[in-house]
Amino acid sequence: MQIEAIGVTNSAEEAAKAKQYTTSNVKIIESDYRDLPTTAATGKFDRVVCVQMMEHLGGPRHYGTFFRKMNSLLAPDGLLVIQTSVITVKWPIRCDPFGRKYLHLNSVAAQSLELLSAGEGAGFIVEDVQNIGAGMERTVLAYEANVEKAWKESLSAKYEVKYYRMYQLYLKAFLAGLRSRRVQMWQLVMSKRESGSGVGAGGYESVR
């Protein structure tokens, strides 16, 4: 199936790297999501996929803005897919102080009900929620193995050892959060409440 896709990032470095892998039907835009025109110069989108970005919005006071913007970008029968970390307990600090300072600056972990409430308040219906936290454990272990391998092969000559230790500590803390079930990894599928056909009429069939 042929698709046309637009990737959006506010990082100049990330945009430059992504453009090295684009094809004729893929376009990369360097922009804050809030600054995207409603039509994104190509009309409404059938799908919008947001991967590991919610943590960087700055907390629940910004979720409404995010969901309203996504609603404006989607076609009536479009779907919004979100992958994000969520916490299941109320911590005094919504991200561990170490990670917040050194790795994910000013990041805020979402609580499940905050996401669901903000999405529904912006005109979305939750079609599916899948917790992939158990699978993320294997991913984090693979990260660790890749970092070890790359450090020995080349990275140790480019970076100070403190950066290696910093990232390893972060990965172990994240792994502990997943194993204790305090940190979850969610994939959500949402449709627009105004859908009059397609998803609205026939319902959404979950893909597993």
C-alpha atoms as a PDB file:
ATOM      1  CA  MET A   1       0.000   0.000   0.000  1.00  0.00           C
ATOM      2  CA  GLN A   2       1.402   3.365  -1.025  1.00  0.00           C
ATOM      3  CA  ILE A   3       1.173   6.160   1.521  1.00  0.00           C
ATOM      4  CA  GLU A   4       2.292   9.759   1.824  1.00  0.00           C
ATOM      5  CA  ALA A   5       3.838  10.614   5.171  1.00  0.00           C
ATOM      6  CA  ILE A   6       5.072  13.738   6.913  1.00  0.00           C
ATOM      7  CA  GLY A   7       7.422  13.521   9.885  1.00  0.00           C
ATOM      8  CA  VAL A   8       7.525  16.425  12.330  1.00  0.00           C
ATOM      9  CA  THR A   9      10.243  17.270  14.837  1.00  0.00           C
ATOM     10  CA  ASN A  10      11.391  20.459  16.528  1.00  0.00           C
ATOM     11  CA  SER A  11      15.003  19.239  16.534  1.00  0.00           C
ATOM     12  CA  ALA A  12      17.223  20.484  13.718  1.00  0.00           C
ATOM     13  CA  GLU A  13      19.636  17.580  14.230  1.00  0.00           C
ATOM     14  CA  GLU A  14      16.860  14.997  14.193  1.00  0.00           C
ATOM     15  CA  ALA A  15      15.295  16.515  11.083  1.00  0.00           C
ATOM     16  CA  ALA A  16      18.633  16.499   9.252  1.00  0.00           C
ATOM     17  CA  LYS A  17      19.224  12.851  10.162  1.00  0.00           C
ATOM     18  CA  ALA A  18      15.718  11.799   9.155  1.00  0.00           C
ATOM     19  CA  LYS A  19      16.036  13.484   5.775  1.00  0.00           C
ATOM     20  CA  GLN A  20      18.898  11.129   4.947  1.00  0.00           C
ATOM     21  CA  TYR A  21      16.409   8.250   4.875  1.00  0.00           C
ATOM     22  CA  THR A  22      13.395   9.831   3.201  1.00  0.00           C
ATOM     23  CA  THR A  23      11.884   8.690  -0.078  1.00  0.00           C
ATOM     24  CA  SER A  24       9.731  10.555  -2.572  1.00  0.00           C
ATOM     25  CA  ASN A  25       6.558   9.970  -0.555  1.00  0.00           C
ATOM     26  CA  VAL A  26       8.036  11.029   2.809  1.00  0.00           C
ATOM     27  CA  LYS A  27       8.589  14.623   3.886  1.00  0.00           C
ATOM     28  CA  ILE A  28      10.295  15.886   7.061  1.00  0.00           C
ATOM     29  CA  ILE A  29       9.236  19.162   8.669  1.00  0.00           C
ATOM     30  CA  GLU A  30      11.212  20.942  11.379  1.00  0.00           C
ATOM     31  CA  SER A  31       8.513  22.623  13.463  1.00  0.00           C
ATOM     32  CA  ASP A  32       6.840  22.815  16.819  1.00  0.00           C
ATOM     33  CA  TYR A  33       3.624  20.818  16.503  1.00  0.00           C
ATOM     34  CA  ARG A  34       1.658  23.863  17.669  1.00  0.00           C
ATOM     35  CA  ASP A  35       2.911  25.858  14.686  1.00  0.00           C
ATOM     36  CA  LEU A  36       1.764  23.388  12.044  1.00  0.00           C
ATOM     37  CA  PRO A  37      -0.930  24.817   9.766  1.00  0.00           C
ATOM     38  CA  THR A  38      -4.238  23.026  10.193  1.00  0.00           C
ATOM     39  CA  THR A  39      -4.001  21.584   6.682  1.00  0.00           C
ATOM     40  CA  ALA A  40      -0.221  20.986   6.913  1.00  0.00           C
ATOM     41  CA  ALA A  41      -0.204  22.099   3.260  1.00  0.00           C
ATOM     42  CA  THR A  42      -1.543  18.704   2.153  1.00  0.00           C
ATOM     43  CA  GLY A  43      -5.060  18.478   3.558  1.00  0.00           C
ATOM     44  CA  LYS A  44      -6.276  16.507   6.549  1.00  0.00           C
ATOM     45  CA  PHE A  45      -4.463  13.405   7.746  1.00  0.00           C
ATOM     46  CA  ASP A  46      -5.929   9.910   7.855  1.00  0.00           C
ATOM     47  CA  ARG A  47      -3.561   8.958  10.673  1.00  0.00           C
ATOM     48  CA  VAL A  48      -1.436  10.857  13.157  1.00  0.00           C
ATOM     49  CA  VAL A  49       1.128   8.839  15.130  1.00  0.00           C
ATOM     50  CA  CYS A  50       2.856  10.300  18.174  1.00  0.00           C
ATOM     51  CA  VAL A  51       5.716   8.224  19.623  1.00  0.00           C
ATOM     52  CA  GLN A  52       7.269   9.044  23.022  1.00  0.00           C
ATOM     53  CA  MET A  53       6.463  12.750  22.795  1.00  0.00           C
ATOM     54  CA  MET A  54       3.787  13.186  25.462  1.00  0.00           C
ATOM     55  CA  GLU A  55       6.417  13.050  28.196  1.00  0.00           C
ATOM     56  CA  HIS A  56       8.014  16.189  26.777  1.00  0.00           C
ATOM     57  CA  LEU A  57       4.945  18.427  26.571  1.00  0.00           C
ATOM     58  CA  GLY A  58       5.510  19.809  30.060  1.00  0.00           C
ATOM     59  CA  GLY A  59       2.704  18.164  31.986  1.00  0.00           C
ATOM     60  CA  PRO A  60      -1.098  17.911  32.024  1.00  0.00           C
ATOM     61  CA  ARG A  61      -1.701  21.630  31.576  1.00  0.00           C
ATOM     62  CA  HIS A  62      -0.526  21.208  27.973  1.00  0.00           C
ATOM     63  CA  TYR A  63      -2.421  18.028  27.081  1.00  0.00           C
ATOM     64  CA  GLY A  64      -5.574  19.865  26.042  1.00  0.00           C
ATOM     65  CA  THR A  65      -3.620  22.012  23.571  1.00  0.00           C
ATOM     66  CA  PHE A  66      -1.988  18.921  22.120  1.00  0.00           C
ATOM     67  CA  PHE A  67      -5.208  16.963  21.640  1.00  0.00           C
ATOM     68  CA  ARG A  68      -7.071  19.917  20.162  1.00  0.00           C
ATOM     69  CA  LYS A  69      -4.270  20.400  17.637  1.00  0.00           C
ATOM     70  CA  MET A  70      -4.342  16.720  16.715  1.00  0.00           C
ATOM     71  CA  ASN A  71      -8.112  16.946  16.252  1.00  0.00           C
ATOM     72  CA  SER A  72      -7.674  19.849  13.850  1.00  0.00           C
ATOM     73  CA  LEU A  73      -5.142  17.899  11.748  1.00  0.00           C
ATOM     74  CA  LEU A  74      -7.174  14.712  11.402  1.00  0.00           C
ATOM     75  CA  ALA A  75      -9.789  13.903   8.796  1.00  0.00           C
ATOM     76  CA  PRO A  76     -13.260  13.140  10.238  1.00  0.00           C
ATOM     77  CA  ASP A  77     -12.603   9.382  10.124  1.00  0.00           C
ATOM     78  CA  GLY A  78      -8.935   9.691  11.051  1.00  0.00           C
ATOM     79  CA  LEU A  79      -7.185   7.936  13.911  1.00  0.00           C
ATOM     80  CA  LEU A  80      -4.725   9.246  16.479  1.00  0.00           C
ATOM     81  CA  VAL A  81      -2.149   6.728  17.720  1.00  0.00           C
ATOM     82  CA  ILE A  82      -0.055   7.552  20.777  1.00  0.00           C
ATOM     83  CA  GLN A  83       2.766   5.636  22.421  1.00  0.00           C
ATOM     84  CA  THR A  84       3.824   7.053  25.754  1.00  0.00           C
ATOM     85  CA  SER A  85       5.097   6.216  29.198  1.00  0.00           C
ATOM     86  CA  VAL A  86       2.512   6.505  31.965  1.00  0.00           C
ATOM     87  CA  ILE A  87       2.740   6.170  35.718  1.00  0.00           C
ATOM     88  CA  THR A  88       0.184   4.377  37.824  1.00  0.00           C
ATOM     89  CA  VAL A  89       0.918   6.116  41.125  1.00  0.00           C
ATOM     90  CA  LYS A  90       1.066   9.758  42.134  1.00  0.00           C
ATOM     91  CA  TRP A  91       4.690  10.632  42.724  1.00  0.00           C
ATOM     92  CA  PRO A  92       5.786  13.974  44.200  1.00  0.00           C
ATOM     93  CA  ILE A  93       8.010  14.303  41.132  1.00  0.00           C
ATOM     94  CA  ARG A  94       6.597  13.115  37.820  1.00  0.00           C
ATOM     95  CA  CYS A  95       9.995  12.061  36.494  1.00  0.00           C
ATOM     96  CA  ASP A  96      13.010  10.855  38.441  1.00  0.00           C
ATOM     97  CA  PRO A  97      15.267  13.847  39.273  1.00  0.00           C
ATOM     98  CA  PHE A  98      18.298  12.291  37.585  1.00  0.00           C
ATOM     99  CA  GLY A  99      16.577  11.642  34.285  1.00  0.00           C
ATOM    100  CA  ARG A 100      14.813  15.007  34.381  1.00  0.00           C
ATOM    101  CA  LYS A 101      18.114  16.865  34.795  1.00  0.00           C
ATOM    102  CA  TYR A 102      20.467  14.955  32.540  1.00  0.00           C
ATOM    103  CA  LEU A 103      18.442  13.121  29.886  1.00  0.00           C
ATOM    104  CA  HIS A 104      14.850  14.290  29.421  1.00  0.00           C
ATOM    105  CA  LEU A 105      14.969  17.928  30.422  1.00  0.00           C
ATOM    106  CA  ASN A 106      11.818  19.073  32.230  1.00  0.00           C
ATOM    107  CA  SER A 107       9.981  15.901  31.233  1.00  0.00           C
ATOM    108  CA  VAL A 108       6.761  14.963  33.022  1.00  0.00           C
ATOM    109  CA  ALA A 109       5.344  11.441  33.105  1.00  0.00           C
ATOM    110  CA  ALA A 110       1.616  11.304  32.447  1.00  0.00           C
ATOM    111  CA  GLN A 111      -0.959   9.619  34.591  1.00  0.00           C
ATOM    112  CA  SER A 112      -3.375   7.404  32.703  1.00  0.00           C
ATOM    113  CA  LEU A 113      -6.551   9.279  33.613  1.00  0.00           C
ATOM    114  CA  GLU A 114      -4.988  12.620  32.673  1.00  0.00           C
ATOM    115  CA  LEU A 115      -4.429  11.424  29.108  1.00  0.00           C
ATOM    116  CA  LEU A 116      -7.853   9.871  28.736  1.00  0.00           C
ATOM    117  CA  SER A 117      -9.626  12.906  30.176  1.00  0.00           C
ATOM    118  CA  ALA A 118      -7.720  15.406  28.029  1.00  0.00           C
ATOM    119  CA  GLY A 119      -8.318  13.382  24.869  1.00  0.00           C
ATOM    120  CA  GLU A 120     -12.031  13.016  25.496  1.00  0.00           C
ATOM    121  CA  GLY A 121     -12.260  16.706  26.370  1.00  0.00           C
ATOM    122  CA  ALA A 122     -10.797  17.575  22.965  1.00  0.00           C
ATOM    123  CA  GLY A 123     -13.356  15.509  21.075  1.00  0.00           C
ATOM    124  CA  PHE A 124     -11.728  12.075  20.915  1.00  0.00           C
ATOM    125  CA  ILE A 125     -13.084   8.638  21.737  1.00  0.00           C
ATOM    126  CA  VAL A 126     -10.691   6.021  23.097  1.00  0.00           C
ATOM    127  CA  GLU A 127     -10.906   3.008  20.772  1.00  0.00           C
ATOM    128  CA  ASP A 128      -8.094   0.885  22.173  1.00  0.00           C
ATOM    129  CA  VAL A 129      -5.476   0.862  24.922  1.00  0.00           C
ATOM    130  CA  GLN A 130      -2.641  -1.671  25.000  1.00  0.00           C
ATOM    131  CA  ASN A 131      -0.019  -1.898  27.718  1.00  0.00           C
ATOM    132  CA  ILE A 132       3.273  -2.964  26.127  1.00  0.00           C
ATOM    133  CA  GLY A 133       5.381  -2.456  29.253  1.00  0.00           C
ATOM    134  CA  ALA A 134       6.443  -6.094  29.412  1.00  0.00           C
ATOM    135  CA  GLY A 135       7.738  -5.915  25.861  1.00  0.00           C
ATOM    136  CA  MET A 136       9.612  -2.707  26.632  1.00  0.00           C
ATOM    137  CA  GLU A 137      11.737  -4.619  29.143  1.00  0.00           C
ATOM    138  CA  ARG A 138      13.288  -6.552  26.264  1.00  0.00           C
ATOM    139  CA  THR A 139      13.793  -3.295  24.398  1.00  0.00           C
ATOM    140  CA  VAL A 140      15.634  -1.677  27.305  1.00  0.00           C
ATOM    141  CA  LEU A 141      17.866  -4.738  27.699  1.00  0.00           C
ATOM    142  CA  ALA A 142      18.680  -4.487  23.994  1.00  0.00           C
ATOM    143  CA  TYR A 143      19.518  -0.791  24.484  1.00  0.00           C
ATOM    144  CA  GLU A 144      21.950  -1.767  27.222  1.00  0.00           C
ATOM    145  CA  ALA A 145      23.620  -4.387  25.062  1.00  0.00           C
ATOM    146  CA  ASN A 146      23.921  -1.998  22.115  1.00  0.00           C
ATOM    147  CA  VAL A 147      25.414   0.739  24.285  1.00  0.00           C
ATOM    148  CA  GLU A 148      27.968  -1.686  25.719  1.00  0.00           C
ATOM    149  CA  LYS A 149      28.955  -2.855  22.252  1.00  0.00           C
ATOM    150  CA  ALA A 150      29.142   0.632  20.740  1.00  0.00           C
ATOM    151  CA  TRP A 151      31.093   1.969  23.713  1.00  0.00           C
ATOM    152  CA  LYS A 152      33.775  -0.654  23.324  1.00  0.00           C
ATOM    153  CA  GLU A 153      33.951  -0.316  19.546  1.00  0.00           C
ATOM    154  CA  SER A 154      33.932   3.442  19.030  1.00  0.00           C
ATOM    155  CA  LEU A 155      32.045   5.680  21.453  1.00  0.00           C
ATOM    156  CA  SER A 156      34.665   5.541  24.217  1.00  0.00           C
ATOM    157  CA  ALA A 157      37.015   7.446  21.913  1.00  0.00           C
ATOM    158  CA  LYS A 158      34.442  10.190  21.303  1.00  0.00           C
ATOM    159  CA  TYR A 159      32.788  10.771  24.688  1.00  0.00           C
ATOM    160  CA  GLU A 160      33.773  11.070  28.325  1.00  0.00           C
ATOM    161  CA  VAL A 161      33.014   8.040  30.474  1.00  0.00           C
ATOM    162  CA  LYS A 162      30.535  10.077  32.532  1.00  0.00           C
ATOM    163  CA  TYR A 163      28.091  10.056  29.607  1.00  0.00           C
ATOM    164  CA  TYR A 164      28.321   6.289  29.361  1.00  0.00           C
ATOM    165  CA  ARG A 165      27.645   5.916  33.081  1.00  0.00           C
ATOM    166  CA  MET A 166      24.832   8.443  32.924  1.00  0.00           C
ATOM    167  CA  TYR A 167      22.961   6.585  30.204  1.00  0.00           C
ATOM    168  CA  GLN A 168      23.505   3.215  31.832  1.00  0.00           C
ATOM    169  CA  LEU A 169      22.078   4.497  35.111  1.00  0.00           C
ATOM    170  CA  TYR A 170      19.057   5.887  33.281  1.00  0.00           C
ATOM    171  CA  LEU A 171      18.400   2.570  31.538  1.00  0.00           C
ATOM    172  CA  LYS A 172      18.614   0.641  34.805  1.00  0.00           C
ATOM    173  CA  ALA A 173      16.226   3.075  36.514  1.00  0.00           C
ATOM    174  CA  PHE A 174      13.766   2.765  33.627  1.00  0.00           C
ATOM    175  CA  LEU A 175      14.035  -1.023  33.750  1.00  0.00           C
ATOM    176  CA  ALA A 176      13.337  -0.958  37.490  1.00  0.00           C
ATOM    177  CA  GLY A 177      10.236   1.161  36.873  1.00  0.00           C
ATOM    178  CA  LEU A 178       8.918  -1.310  34.301  1.00  0.00           C
ATOM    179  CA  ARG A 179       9.604  -4.348  36.468  1.00  0.00           C
ATOM    180  CA  SER A 180       7.966  -2.781  39.524  1.00  0.00           C
ATOM    181  CA  ARG A 181       4.946  -1.847  37.359  1.00  0.00           C
ATOM    182  CA  ARG A 182       5.174   1.756  38.481  1.00  0.00           C
ATOM    183  CA  VAL A 183       5.978   2.730  34.897  1.00  0.00           C
ATOM    184  CA  GLN A 184       3.799   1.509  32.049  1.00  0.00           C
ATOM    185  CA  MET A 185       4.147   1.863  28.309  1.00  0.00           C
ATOM    186  CA  TRP A 186       0.837   2.532  26.601  1.00  0.00           C
ATOM    187  CA  GLN A 187      -0.281   2.513  23.016  1.00  0.00           C
ATOM    188  CA  LEU A 188      -3.596   4.311  22.558  1.00  0.00           C
ATOM    189  CA  VAL A 189      -5.828   4.542  19.516  1.00  0.00           C
ATOM    190  CA  MET A 190      -8.361   7.381  19.426  1.00  0.00           C
ATOM    191  CA  SER A 191     -10.982   8.420  16.900  1.00  0.00           C
ATOM    192  CA  LYS A 192     -12.812  11.695  16.495  1.00  0.00           C
ATOM    193  CA  ARG A 193     -16.231  11.818  18.110  1.00  0.00           C
ATOM    194  CA  GLU A 194     -17.621  13.493  14.975  1.00  0.00           C
ATOM    195  CA  SER A 195     -16.831  10.456  12.782  1.00  0.00           C
ATOM    196  CA  GLY A 196     -19.881   9.757  10.667  1.00  0.00           C
ATOM    197  CA  SER A 197     -18.603   6.749   8.737  1.00  0.00           C
ATOM    198  CA  GLY A 198     -15.675   4.365   8.681  1.00  0.00           C
ATOM    199  CA  VAL A 199     -14.537   4.066  12.304  1.00  0.00           C
ATOM    200  CA  GLY A 200     -17.651   5.825  13.524  1.00  0.00           C
ATOM    201  CA  ALA A 201     -20.037   3.410  11.824  1.00  0.00           C
ATOM    202  CA  GLY A 202     -18.199   0.098  11.794  1.00  0.00           C
ATOM    203  CA  GLY A 203     -16.156   0.462  14.942  1.00  0.00           C
ATOM    204  CA  TYR A 204     -12.419   0.011  15.362  1.00  0.00           C
ATOM    205  CA  GLU A 205     -10.935  -3.483  15.197  1.00  0.00           C
ATOM    206  CA  SER A 206      -7.857  -3.794  17.376  1.00  0.00           C
ATOM    207  CA  VAL A 207      -4.685  -5.112  15.760  1.00  0.00           C
ATOM    208  CA  ARG A 208      -2.593  -7.400  17.970  1.00  0.00           C
END
